[in-house]
């Protein structure tokens, strides 16, 4: 072994400058990274999961059928804001858009929860890594030569996330209304519950948990405060939201799966492929 060299690299060993300060040269490592684990597995799984949801939701959004089986309505189609919606007994049927709208009414609704999730801080990290490899993983250099962050079009539009949050709260409220209507039978009589009721309740609970765990919600509740002791109520609410915020990634995936499951359940019942079991 040559004197004065580091045994782990071919680069010169650290030298001591006057005053006892050590200066180390950059290691001459030709590899792009030194990770030996399956670092690609996490971004690949993320991309696969998101792609599966995109394919499913696109199919259901353009299907324009089998989204209402009294008393259940698919979360993809609620609230119904077009005249071409199927007749609903007491669902959120607003009919704001006239008969000129001939496409699926889901295309008018999904833009708001989709915009909320696309601009979500966690989802941005997820699909940046999964689809754009920016960056592929920790300690793995990204293949792009330039990086401008979110300061240019179109990524600068990610800043509208805080405004999509308000729409997300409205959508969650409407889905809550739909879940409450699930305590009826097909004729509209109250005091009944089926498996679909539980599916819609579980979905709306996860939707609320994900929405309230949002970073924008945490800032709205407790941000811009100089002293928490002067705002005990907001401080308590900020603490609750912070607990949810620590599980934001888990809630993002759980609510994504639940909304797809709820839609698919309504589809099965509405298409006649499955009879909704009624408990009472």
Foldseek 3Di string as FASTA:
>chain_A
DDPQDDPVARAGQWDADPPRDTDGDDGPDPDQFDDPDPLLPQLQVLLVVVVVLVVLLVCVQQVLDLQCDVPAGALLCPPQQDPPHDDHDDANDNRVHYPVDPTRSSVVVVVLVVLLQCLFPVNVVNCCCNPVCVPVGPRGRRPDPDDDDQPDPPSVVSVCNLVSLVVLVVSLVSLVVSLLQQQADRVSHHNWHWPLSVLSVVLSVLSVLLSLLTPSNLCVLDNPDPDCVVVVVSVVSNVVSPVSVVCNVVSVVVNSVSSSVSSVVSSCCSVVVDPIGIPD
